[in-house]
C-alpha atoms as a PDB file:
ATOM      1  CA  MET A   1     122.654  73.775 125.081  1.00  0.00           C
ATOM      2  CA  ARG A   2     124.128  76.656 127.086  1.00  0.00           C
ATOM      3  CA  GLU A   3     127.620  75.873 125.799  1.00  0.00           C
ATOM      4  CA  ARG A   4     126.314  75.647 122.256  1.00  0.00           C
ATOM      5  CA  PHE A   5     124.907  79.187 122.351  1.00  0.00           C
ATOM      6  CA  SER A   6     127.822  80.728 124.270  1.00  0.00           C
ATOM      7  CA  VAL A   7     130.597  79.548 121.947  1.00  0.00           C
ATOM      8  CA  PHE A   8     130.632  80.391 118.244  1.00  0.00           C
ATOM      9  CA  SER A   9     131.472  77.624 115.813  1.00  0.00           C
ATOM     10  CA  LEU A  10     134.100  78.149 113.110  1.00  0.00           C
ATOM     11  CA  PHE A  11     131.353  78.458 110.501  1.00  0.00           C
ATOM     12  CA  GLU A  12     129.547  81.149 112.502  1.00  0.00           C
ATOM     13  CA  ILE A  13     132.793  83.086 113.000  1.00  0.00           C
ATOM     14  CA  ILE A  14     133.452  83.029 109.246  1.00  0.00           C
ATOM     15  CA  THR A  15     129.950  84.303 108.467  1.00  0.00           C
ATOM     16  CA  ILE A  16     130.264  87.087 111.053  1.00  0.00           C
ATOM     17  CA  VAL A  17     133.653  88.167 109.673  1.00  0.00           C
ATOM     18  CA  ILE A  18     132.283  88.263 106.125  1.00  0.00           C
ATOM     19  CA  THR A  19     129.271  90.254 107.361  1.00  0.00           C
ATOM     20  CA  VAL A  20     131.579  92.799 109.028  1.00  0.00           C
ATOM     21  CA  ILE A  21     133.576  93.117 105.790  1.00  0.00           C
ATOM     22  CA  VAL A  22     130.397  93.726 103.757  1.00  0.00           C
ATOM     23  CA  ILE A  23     129.079  96.291 106.267  1.00  0.00           C
ATOM     24  CA  SER A  24     132.453  98.065 106.391  1.00  0.00           C
ATOM     25  CA  PHE A  25     132.696  98.267 102.605  1.00  0.00           C
ATOM     26  CA  THR A  26     129.137  99.599 102.286  1.00  0.00           C
ATOM     27  CA  SER A  27     129.692 102.093 105.101  1.00  0.00           C
ATOM     28  CA  VAL A  28     132.852 103.426 103.452  1.00  0.00           C
ATOM     29  CA  LEU A  29     130.932 104.002 100.208  1.00  0.00           C
ATOM     30  CA  ILE A  30     128.188 105.924 102.000  1.00  0.00           C
ATOM     31  CA  VAL A  31     130.538 107.929 104.222  1.00  0.00           C
ATOM     32  CA  ALA A  32     132.641 108.906 101.197  1.00  0.00           C
ATOM     33  CA  ILE A  33     129.592 110.448  99.504  1.00  0.00           C
ATOM     34  CA  VAL A  34     128.408 112.172 102.674  1.00  0.00           C
ATOM     35  CA  LEU A  35     131.791 113.654 103.583  1.00  0.00           C
ATOM     36  CA  LYS A  36     132.358 114.952 100.060  1.00  0.00           C
ATOM     37  CA  GLY A  37     128.802 116.158  99.479  1.00  0.00           C
ATOM     38  CA  LEU A  38     127.711 117.753 102.764  1.00  0.00           C
ATOM     39  CA  PRO A  39     130.007 120.822 102.504  1.00  0.00           C
ATOM     40  CA  TYR A  40     128.406 121.676  99.133  1.00  0.00           C
ATOM     41  CA  LEU A  41     124.857 120.670 100.008  1.00  0.00           C
ATOM     42  CA  GLY A  42     123.690 124.099 101.194  1.00  0.00           C
ATOM     43  CA  GLN A  43     125.158 125.786  98.140  1.00  0.00           C
ATOM     44  CA  ALA A  44     123.544 123.202  95.865  1.00  0.00           C
ATOM     45  CA  PHE A  45     120.043 123.911  97.158  1.00  0.00           C
ATOM     46  CA  TYR A  46     120.423 127.532  96.011  1.00  0.00           C
ATOM     47  CA  SER A  47     121.639 126.432  92.574  1.00  0.00           C
ATOM     48  CA  GLU A  48     119.014 126.875  89.885  1.00  0.00           C
ATOM     49  CA  GLU A  49     120.381 123.851  88.052  1.00  0.00           C
ATOM     50  CA  VAL A  50     120.149 121.552  91.070  1.00  0.00           C
ATOM     51  CA  GLN A  51     116.654 122.807  91.834  1.00  0.00           C
ATOM     52  CA  PHE A  52     115.664 122.003  88.253  1.00  0.00           C
ATOM     53  CA  ALA A  53     117.199 118.513  88.548  1.00  0.00           C
ATOM     54  CA  VAL A  54     115.379 117.828  91.824  1.00  0.00           C
ATOM     55  CA  LYS A  55     112.022 118.971  90.426  1.00  0.00           C
ATOM     56  CA  MET A  56     112.522 116.971  87.233  1.00  0.00           C
ATOM     57  CA  SER A  57     113.485 113.847  89.184  1.00  0.00           C
ATOM     58  CA  LEU A  58     110.547 114.105  91.579  1.00  0.00           C
ATOM     59  CA  PHE A  59     108.078 114.743  88.749  1.00  0.00           C
ATOM     60  CA  THR A  60     109.247 112.001  86.393  1.00  0.00           C
ATOM     61  CA  ALA A  61     109.686 109.417  89.157  1.00  0.00           C
ATOM     62  CA  SER A  62     106.184 110.097  90.492  1.00  0.00           C
ATOM     63  CA  ILE A  63     104.518 109.851  87.063  1.00  0.00           C
ATOM     64  CA  SER A  64     106.451 106.713  86.091  1.00  0.00           C
ATOM     65  CA  THR A  65     105.573 105.075  89.414  1.00  0.00           C
ATOM     66  CA  ILE A  66     101.874 105.753  88.874  1.00  0.00           C
ATOM     67  CA  ILE A  67     102.087 104.278  85.369  1.00  0.00           C
ATOM     68  CA  CYS A  68     103.937 101.220  86.692  1.00  0.00           C
ATOM     69  CA  MET A  69     101.283 100.586  89.336  1.00  0.00           C
ATOM     70  CA  VAL A  70      98.402 101.031  86.879  1.00  0.00           C
ATOM     71  CA  LEU A  71     100.002  98.482  84.552  1.00  0.00           C
ATOM     72  CA  ALA A  72     101.481  96.092  87.130  1.00  0.00           C
ATOM     73  CA  ILE A  73      98.466  95.436  89.366  1.00  0.00           C
ATOM     74  CA  PRO A  74      96.186  93.999  86.634  1.00  0.00           C
ATOM     75  CA  THR A  75      99.177  92.188  85.084  1.00  0.00           C
ATOM     76  CA  ALA A  76     100.084  90.576  88.397  1.00  0.00           C
ATOM     77  CA  TYR A  77      96.445  89.587  88.933  1.00  0.00           C
ATOM     78  CA  ALA A  78      96.283  87.960  85.493  1.00  0.00           C
ATOM     79  CA  LEU A  79      99.496  86.034  86.175  1.00  0.00           C
ATOM     80  CA  THR A  80      98.290  84.749  89.555  1.00  0.00           C
ATOM     81  CA  ARG A  81      94.506  84.407  89.292  1.00  0.00           C
ATOM     82  CA  THR A  82      93.742  83.581  85.665  1.00  0.00           C
ATOM     83  CA  ALA A  83      94.625  80.805  83.246  1.00  0.00           C
ATOM     84  CA  PHE A  84      95.480  81.793  79.696  1.00  0.00           C
ATOM     85  CA  PRO A  85      97.665  80.231  76.968  1.00  0.00           C
ATOM     86  CA  PHE A  86     101.447  80.611  77.264  1.00  0.00           C
ATOM     87  CA  LYS A  87     101.201  82.250  80.689  1.00  0.00           C
ATOM     88  CA  LYS A  88     104.668  81.040  81.736  1.00  0.00           C
ATOM     89  CA  LEU A  89     106.150  82.363  78.508  1.00  0.00           C
ATOM     90  CA  CYS A  90     104.441  85.715  79.048  1.00  0.00           C
ATOM     91  CA  GLN A  91     105.824  85.871  82.587  1.00  0.00           C
ATOM     92  CA  MET A  92     109.337  85.196  81.267  1.00  0.00           C
ATOM     93  CA  MET A  93     108.968  87.938  78.662  1.00  0.00           C
ATOM     94  CA  ILE A  94     107.814  90.430  81.286  1.00  0.00           C
ATOM     95  CA  GLU A  95     110.775  89.610  83.537  1.00  0.00           C
ATOM     96  CA  LEU A  96     113.374  89.410  80.739  1.00  0.00           C
ATOM     97  CA  PRO A  97     114.375  93.104  81.104  1.00  0.00           C
ATOM     98  CA  LEU A  98     115.500  92.286  84.671  1.00  0.00           C
ATOM     99  CA  SER A  99     118.566  90.564  83.219  1.00  0.00           C
ATOM    100  CA  MET A 100     119.226  93.162  80.511  1.00  0.00           C
ATOM    101  CA  PRO A 101     121.608  96.135  80.892  1.00  0.00           C
ATOM    102  CA  TYR A 102     119.718  99.411  81.141  1.00  0.00           C
ATOM    103  CA  LEU A 103     121.777 100.836  78.275  1.00  0.00           C
ATOM    104  CA  VAL A 104     120.371  98.095  76.032  1.00  0.00           C
ATOM    105  CA  LEU A 105     116.819  98.920  77.149  1.00  0.00           C
ATOM    106  CA  GLY A 106     117.496 102.580  76.435  1.00  0.00           C
ATOM    107  CA  LEU A 107     118.878 101.693  72.994  1.00  0.00           C
ATOM    108  CA  SER A 108     115.721  99.688  72.247  1.00  0.00           C
ATOM    109  CA  LEU A 109     113.570 102.654  73.246  1.00  0.00           C
ATOM    110  CA  LEU A 110     115.680 104.981  71.106  1.00  0.00           C
ATOM    111  CA  ILE A 111     115.229 102.712  68.073  1.00  0.00           C
ATOM    112  CA  ILE A 112     111.460 102.535  68.624  1.00  0.00           C
ATOM    113  CA  PHE A 113     110.894 106.247  69.147  1.00  0.00           C
ATOM    114  CA  SER A 114     113.301 107.292  66.397  1.00  0.00           C
ATOM    115  CA  SER A 115     111.306 105.259  63.885  1.00  0.00           C
ATOM    116  CA  ASP A 116     108.297 106.388  61.878  1.00  0.00           C
ATOM    117  CA  PHE A 117     106.157 105.508  64.897  1.00  0.00           C
ATOM    118  CA  GLY A 118     108.082 107.938  67.081  1.00  0.00           C
ATOM    119  CA  LYS A 119     107.982 110.614  64.406  1.00  0.00           C
ATOM    120  CA  ALA A 120     104.208 110.204  64.132  1.00  0.00           C
ATOM    121  CA  LEU A 121     103.888 110.654  67.891  1.00  0.00           C
ATOM    122  CA  LYS A 122     106.025 113.788  67.680  1.00  0.00           C
ATOM    123  CA  GLU A 123     103.761 115.231  64.989  1.00  0.00           C
ATOM    124  CA  LEU A 124     100.797 114.573  67.290  1.00  0.00           C
ATOM    125  CA  GLY A 125     102.519 116.613  70.010  1.00  0.00           C
ATOM    126  CA  PHE A 126     103.987 113.773  72.083  1.00  0.00           C
ATOM    127  CA  LYS A 127     107.751 114.118  71.894  1.00  0.00           C
ATOM    128  CA  VAL A 128     109.856 111.378  73.493  1.00  0.00           C
ATOM    129  CA  VAL A 129     113.475 111.566  72.312  1.00  0.00           C
ATOM    130  CA  PHE A 130     115.422 114.317  74.117  1.00  0.00           C
ATOM    131  CA  ASP A 131     112.319 115.233  76.116  1.00  0.00           C
ATOM    132  CA  LYS A 132     111.071 114.706  79.686  1.00  0.00           C
ATOM    133  CA  ASN A 133     108.444 112.312  78.348  1.00  0.00           C
ATOM    134  CA  GLY A 134     111.335 110.055  77.408  1.00  0.00           C
ATOM    135  CA  ILE A 135     112.574 110.130  81.000  1.00  0.00           C
ATOM    136  CA  ILE A 136     109.182 108.922  82.226  1.00  0.00           C
ATOM    137  CA  ILE A 137     109.070 106.150  79.620  1.00  0.00           C
ATOM    138  CA  ALA A 138     112.634 105.031  80.411  1.00  0.00           C
ATOM    139  CA  GLN A 139     111.903 104.893  84.145  1.00  0.00           C
ATOM    140  CA  THR A 140     108.672 102.996  83.491  1.00  0.00           C
ATOM    141  CA  VAL A 141     110.330 100.402  81.262  1.00  0.00           C
ATOM    142  CA  VAL A 142     113.147  99.830  83.753  1.00  0.00           C
ATOM    143  CA  ASN A 143     110.910  99.588  86.833  1.00  0.00           C
ATOM    144  CA  LEU A 144     107.858  97.772  85.455  1.00  0.00           C
ATOM    145  CA  PRO A 145     109.336  94.226  85.598  1.00  0.00           C
ATOM    146  CA  TYR A 146     110.357  94.763  89.235  1.00  0.00           C
ATOM    147  CA  VAL A 147     106.951  96.125  90.163  1.00  0.00           C
ATOM    148  CA  VAL A 148     105.131  93.250  88.445  1.00  0.00           C
ATOM    149  CA  ARG A 149     107.301  90.684  90.243  1.00  0.00           C
ATOM    150  CA  PHE A 150     106.831  92.267  93.684  1.00  0.00           C
ATOM    151  CA  ILE A 151     103.063  92.587  93.335  1.00  0.00           C
ATOM    152  CA  ARG A 152     102.765  89.108  91.817  1.00  0.00           C
ATOM    153  CA  THR A 153     104.596  87.713  94.851  1.00  0.00           C
ATOM    154  CA  ALA A 154     102.249  89.634  97.157  1.00  0.00           C
ATOM    155  CA  PHE A 155      99.165  88.270  95.381  1.00  0.00           C
ATOM    156  CA  GLU A 156     100.561  84.727  95.531  1.00  0.00           C
ATOM    157  CA  GLU A 157     100.884  85.008  99.307  1.00  0.00           C
ATOM    158  CA  VAL A 158      97.179  85.817  99.695  1.00  0.00           C
ATOM    159  CA  ASP A 159      95.253  82.708 100.727  1.00  0.00           C
ATOM    160  CA  GLU A 160      93.025  81.868  97.748  1.00  0.00           C
ATOM    161  CA  ARG A 161      90.666  79.989 100.054  1.00  0.00           C
ATOM    162  CA  LEU A 162      89.430  83.330 101.339  1.00  0.00           C
ATOM    163  CA  GLU A 163      88.566  84.385  97.804  1.00  0.00           C
ATOM    164  CA  PHE A 164      86.903  81.020  97.169  1.00  0.00           C
ATOM    165  CA  ILE A 165      84.739  81.368 100.272  1.00  0.00           C
ATOM    166  CA  SER A 166      83.816  84.905  99.286  1.00  0.00           C
ATOM    167  CA  GLY A 167      82.920  83.680  95.810  1.00  0.00           C
ATOM    168  CA  SER A 168      80.759  80.911  97.213  1.00  0.00           C
ATOM    169  CA  LEU A 169      78.821  83.606  99.080  1.00  0.00           C
ATOM    170  CA  GLY A 170      78.083  85.390  95.816  1.00  0.00           C
ATOM    171  CA  ALA A 171      80.943  87.891  95.474  1.00  0.00           C
ATOM    172  CA  THR A 172      82.138  88.573  91.935  1.00  0.00           C
ATOM    173  CA  LYS A 173      85.819  88.340  91.030  1.00  0.00           C
ATOM    174  CA  TRP A 174      86.033  92.130  91.033  1.00  0.00           C
ATOM    175  CA  GLU A 175      84.506  92.293  94.522  1.00  0.00           C
ATOM    176  CA  ARG A 176      86.901  89.579  95.757  1.00  0.00           C
ATOM    177  CA  PHE A 177      89.827  91.492  94.311  1.00  0.00           C
ATOM    178  CA  ILE A 178      88.765  94.780  95.905  1.00  0.00           C
ATOM    179  CA  THR A 179      87.740  93.414  99.322  1.00  0.00           C
ATOM    180  CA  ILE A 180      90.267  90.608  99.845  1.00  0.00           C
ATOM    181  CA  THR A 181      93.285  90.532  97.510  1.00  0.00           C
ATOM    182  CA  LEU A 182      94.117  94.238  97.530  1.00  0.00           C
ATOM    183  CA  PRO A 183      93.610  94.851 101.279  1.00  0.00           C
ATOM    184  CA  LEU A 184      95.731  91.819 102.214  1.00  0.00           C
ATOM    185  CA  SER A 185      98.458  92.996  99.826  1.00  0.00           C
ATOM    186  CA  LYS A 186      98.281  96.625 100.979  1.00  0.00           C
ATOM    187  CA  ASN A 187     101.627  96.819 102.767  1.00  0.00           C
ATOM    188  CA  ALA A 188     103.464  95.026  99.964  1.00  0.00           C
ATOM    189  CA  ILE A 189     101.934  97.393  97.402  1.00  0.00           C
ATOM    190  CA  ILE A 190     102.872 100.479  99.436  1.00  0.00           C
ATOM    191  CA  THR A 191     106.421  99.161  99.810  1.00  0.00           C
ATOM    192  CA  THR A 192     106.576  98.523  96.067  1.00  0.00           C
ATOM    193  CA  ILE A 193     105.434 102.083  95.347  1.00  0.00           C
ATOM    194  CA  ILE A 194     108.199 103.506  97.539  1.00  0.00           C
ATOM    195  CA  LEU A 195     110.867 101.266  96.007  1.00  0.00           C
ATOM    196  CA  ALA A 196     109.731 101.974  92.447  1.00  0.00           C
ATOM    197  CA  TRP A 197     109.726 105.703  93.142  1.00  0.00           C
ATOM    198  CA  SER A 198     113.223 105.670  94.631  1.00  0.00           C
ATOM    199  CA  ARG A 199     114.485 103.477  91.777  1.00  0.00           C
ATOM    200  CA  GLY A 200     112.993 105.968  89.325  1.00  0.00           C
ATOM    201  CA  LEU A 201     114.991 108.738  90.963  1.00  0.00           C
ATOM    202  CA  GLY A 202     118.184 106.745  90.501  1.00  0.00           C
ATOM    203  CA  GLU A 203     117.628 105.568  86.917  1.00  0.00           C
ATOM    204  CA  PHE A 204     120.366 106.685  84.544  1.00  0.00           C
ATOM    205  CA  GLY A 205     121.404 104.243  81.798  1.00  0.00           C
ATOM    206  CA  ALA A 206     118.187 103.963  79.790  1.00  0.00           C
ATOM    207  CA  THR A 207     117.446 107.648  80.329  1.00  0.00           C
ATOM    208  CA  LEU A 208     120.852 108.678  79.023  1.00  0.00           C
ATOM    209  CA  MET A 209     120.380 106.637  75.831  1.00  0.00           C
ATOM    210  CA  LEU A 210     116.882 107.953  75.125  1.00  0.00           C
ATOM    211  CA  VAL A 211     116.963 111.626  76.142  1.00  0.00           C
ATOM    212  CA  GLY A 212     120.657 112.384  76.501  1.00  0.00           C
ATOM    213  CA  ALA A 213     122.114 114.671  79.155  1.00  0.00           C
ATOM    214  CA  THR A 214     121.148 118.279  78.507  1.00  0.00           C
ATOM    215  CA  ARG A 215     121.392 120.831  81.299  1.00  0.00           C
ATOM    216  CA  MET A 216     118.132 122.445  82.371  1.00  0.00           C
ATOM    217  CA  LYS A 217     116.164 120.316  79.890  1.00  0.00           C
ATOM    218  CA  THR A 218     116.517 116.593  80.541  1.00  0.00           C
ATOM    219  CA  GLU A 219     118.624 116.940  83.680  1.00  0.00           C
ATOM    220  CA  THR A 220     117.681 114.692  86.584  1.00  0.00           C
ATOM    221  CA  LEU A 221     119.681 114.195  89.776  1.00  0.00           C
ATOM    222  CA  THR A 222     121.637 111.281  88.337  1.00  0.00           C
ATOM    223  CA  THR A 223     122.259 113.224  85.135  1.00  0.00           C
ATOM    224  CA  SER A 224     123.415 116.156  87.253  1.00  0.00           C
ATOM    225  CA  VAL A 225     125.974 113.915  88.943  1.00  0.00           C
ATOM    226  CA  TYR A 226     127.242 112.787  85.530  1.00  0.00           C
ATOM    227  CA  LEU A 227     127.346 116.253  83.946  1.00  0.00           C
ATOM    228  CA  ASN A 228     129.040 117.995  86.865  1.00  0.00           C
ATOM    229  CA  LEU A 229     131.603 115.228  87.249  1.00  0.00           C
ATOM    230  CA  ALA A 230     132.349 115.319  83.515  1.00  0.00           C
ATOM    231  CA  THR A 231     132.976 119.076  83.683  1.00  0.00           C
ATOM    232  CA  GLY A 232     135.168 118.815  86.783  1.00  0.00           C
ATOM    233  CA  ASP A 233     132.670 120.282  89.257  1.00  0.00           C
ATOM    234  CA  THR A 234     133.132 117.588  91.895  1.00  0.00           C
ATOM    235  CA  GLY A 235     131.387 119.577  94.617  1.00  0.00           C
ATOM    236  CA  ALA A 236     128.111 119.943  92.720  1.00  0.00           C
ATOM    237  CA  SER A 237     128.326 116.313  91.640  1.00  0.00           C
ATOM    238  CA  MET A 238     128.767 115.105  95.220  1.00  0.00           C
ATOM    239  CA  ALA A 239     125.964 117.381  96.407  1.00  0.00           C
ATOM    240  CA  SER A 240     123.539 115.818  93.914  1.00  0.00           C
ATOM    241  CA  ALA A 241     124.725 112.360  94.957  1.00  0.00           C
ATOM    242  CA  THR A 242     124.119 113.270  98.611  1.00  0.00           C
ATOM    243  CA  ILE A 243     120.556 114.347  97.832  1.00  0.00           C
ATOM    244  CA  ILE A 244     119.951 110.979  96.137  1.00  0.00           C
ATOM    245  CA  LEU A 245     121.449 109.229  99.163  1.00  0.00           C
ATOM    246  CA  ILE A 246     119.190 111.123 101.583  1.00  0.00           C
ATOM    247  CA  ILE A 247     116.098 110.245  99.543  1.00  0.00           C
ATOM    248  CA  SER A 248     117.220 106.601  99.394  1.00  0.00           C
ATOM    249  CA  LEU A 249     117.689 106.474 103.161  1.00  0.00           C
ATOM    250  CA  ILE A 250     114.202 107.893 103.718  1.00  0.00           C
ATOM    251  CA  SER A 251     112.750 105.326 101.308  1.00  0.00           C
ATOM    252  CA  LEU A 252     114.606 102.511 103.076  1.00  0.00           C
ATOM    253  CA  PHE A 253     113.337 103.686 106.452  1.00  0.00           C
ATOM    254  CA  LEU A 254     109.746 103.750 105.195  1.00  0.00           C
ATOM    255  CA  THR A 255     109.944 100.271 103.649  1.00  0.00           C
ATOM    256  CA  ASN A 256     111.474  98.803 106.818  1.00  0.00           C
ATOM    257  CA  TRP A 257     108.848 100.523 108.958  1.00  0.00           C
ATOM    258  CA  ILE A 258     106.055  99.115 106.831  1.00  0.00           C
ATOM    259  CA  GLY A 259     107.731  95.678 106.929  1.00  0.00           C
ATOM    260  CA  ARG A 260     107.801  95.741 110.740  1.00  0.00           C
ATOM    261  CA  LYS A 261     104.240  96.986 110.916  1.00  0.00           C
ATOM    262  CA  ASN A 262     102.880  94.136 108.808  1.00  0.00           C
ATOM    263  CA  PRO A 263     103.818  91.246 111.171  1.00  0.00           C
ATOM    264  CA  GLN A 264     102.537  93.249 114.141  1.00  0.00           C
ATOM    265  CA  GLU A 265      99.155  93.636 112.436  1.00  0.00           C
ATOM    266  CA  SER A 266      99.115  89.900 111.688  1.00  0.00           C
ATOM    267  CA  ARG A 267      99.774  89.058 115.329  1.00  0.00           C
ATOM    268  CA  MET A 268      97.017  91.427 116.445  1.00  0.00           C
ATOM    269  CA  LYS A 269      94.568  89.732 114.074  1.00  0.00           C
ATOM    270  CA  ASP A 270      95.566  86.319 115.426  1.00  0.00           C
ATOM    271  CA  VAL A 271      94.987  87.527 118.991  1.00  0.00           C
ATOM    272  CA  ASN A 272      91.575  88.955 118.103  1.00  0.00           C
ATOM    273  CA  ARG A 273      90.569  85.641 116.586  1.00  0.00           C
END
C-alpha cells in the first residue's frame, strides 16, 4: 500500500501533466488581461464612459437575476414536486436555449420585439429594442435555463421523506416548501444567485443583437470592451476586461466559500444528532 501511494502510475502522470497544461493555459489568459489592463485601471475609473458601463452592468445584472429567481424557483418546484402532462418535454424546452448560440437567442428576441407586439409595448411606454430594458430581457433569457437547472438539481437533492413526514403532521405543501425545501436548498440558491449575477455581467451576444452597442446608452462592460477595441483604444478595452475579471474572481470566491460552508454545516448537524 505504501509503495502504491508513493509511486505515480503512468495514467496518473498523464492526468497530472494534462492538468498542468490546462492550468498554465488558463493562467496565461488571466495574466494577459491583468498585465494589459492594470496600468489603465485607475484612469478607467475616472472615465465617465466606464462609470456608465459599470453602473449599467450592475443595474441590469441585478434586475435580471431577480427576475430569473422569481421565475426559476416555482418552475424548478413544478418540475421536481408536481406531476403534469408532458413534463419531460417541458423540461427539454426550458433547457433547449443552453445548446443555442446567444446570437441566435438575441435574434429571436429582436424578431419578437420588432413585431407588432413589440411596437405595442413601445406605445405603452415599455421600449425594448435599443434600450436598457432589452439588456435586462437578454440577460434573463440567457441565464434562466441555467438558473432553473441549478435550482431543480438542488430541490432534487432534498430528501422528500422529510416533506412527506411534515405533510403527515398536517403541513400544507406551501408550508413544506417554505420550512423544508427552501431552507435545505439555501446555499445552492445563494450560489445560483451569485453565478447568475456574474453571468449577467458578462453577457454579450444576445444583448448585442437586441440593443446594439451604443456608447452611453446601451453600453455595458462587455460592450465597452467591444467598442473600445473596435476603435483601437486597447487600454480602455483591457481596463473594462480587468474590471469584469475582478468581479468574476470575487464571485468565484463567494461560491467556493459557500460550497465549503455547506458540508461543514452538514457535519455539524450530524454531530448534533
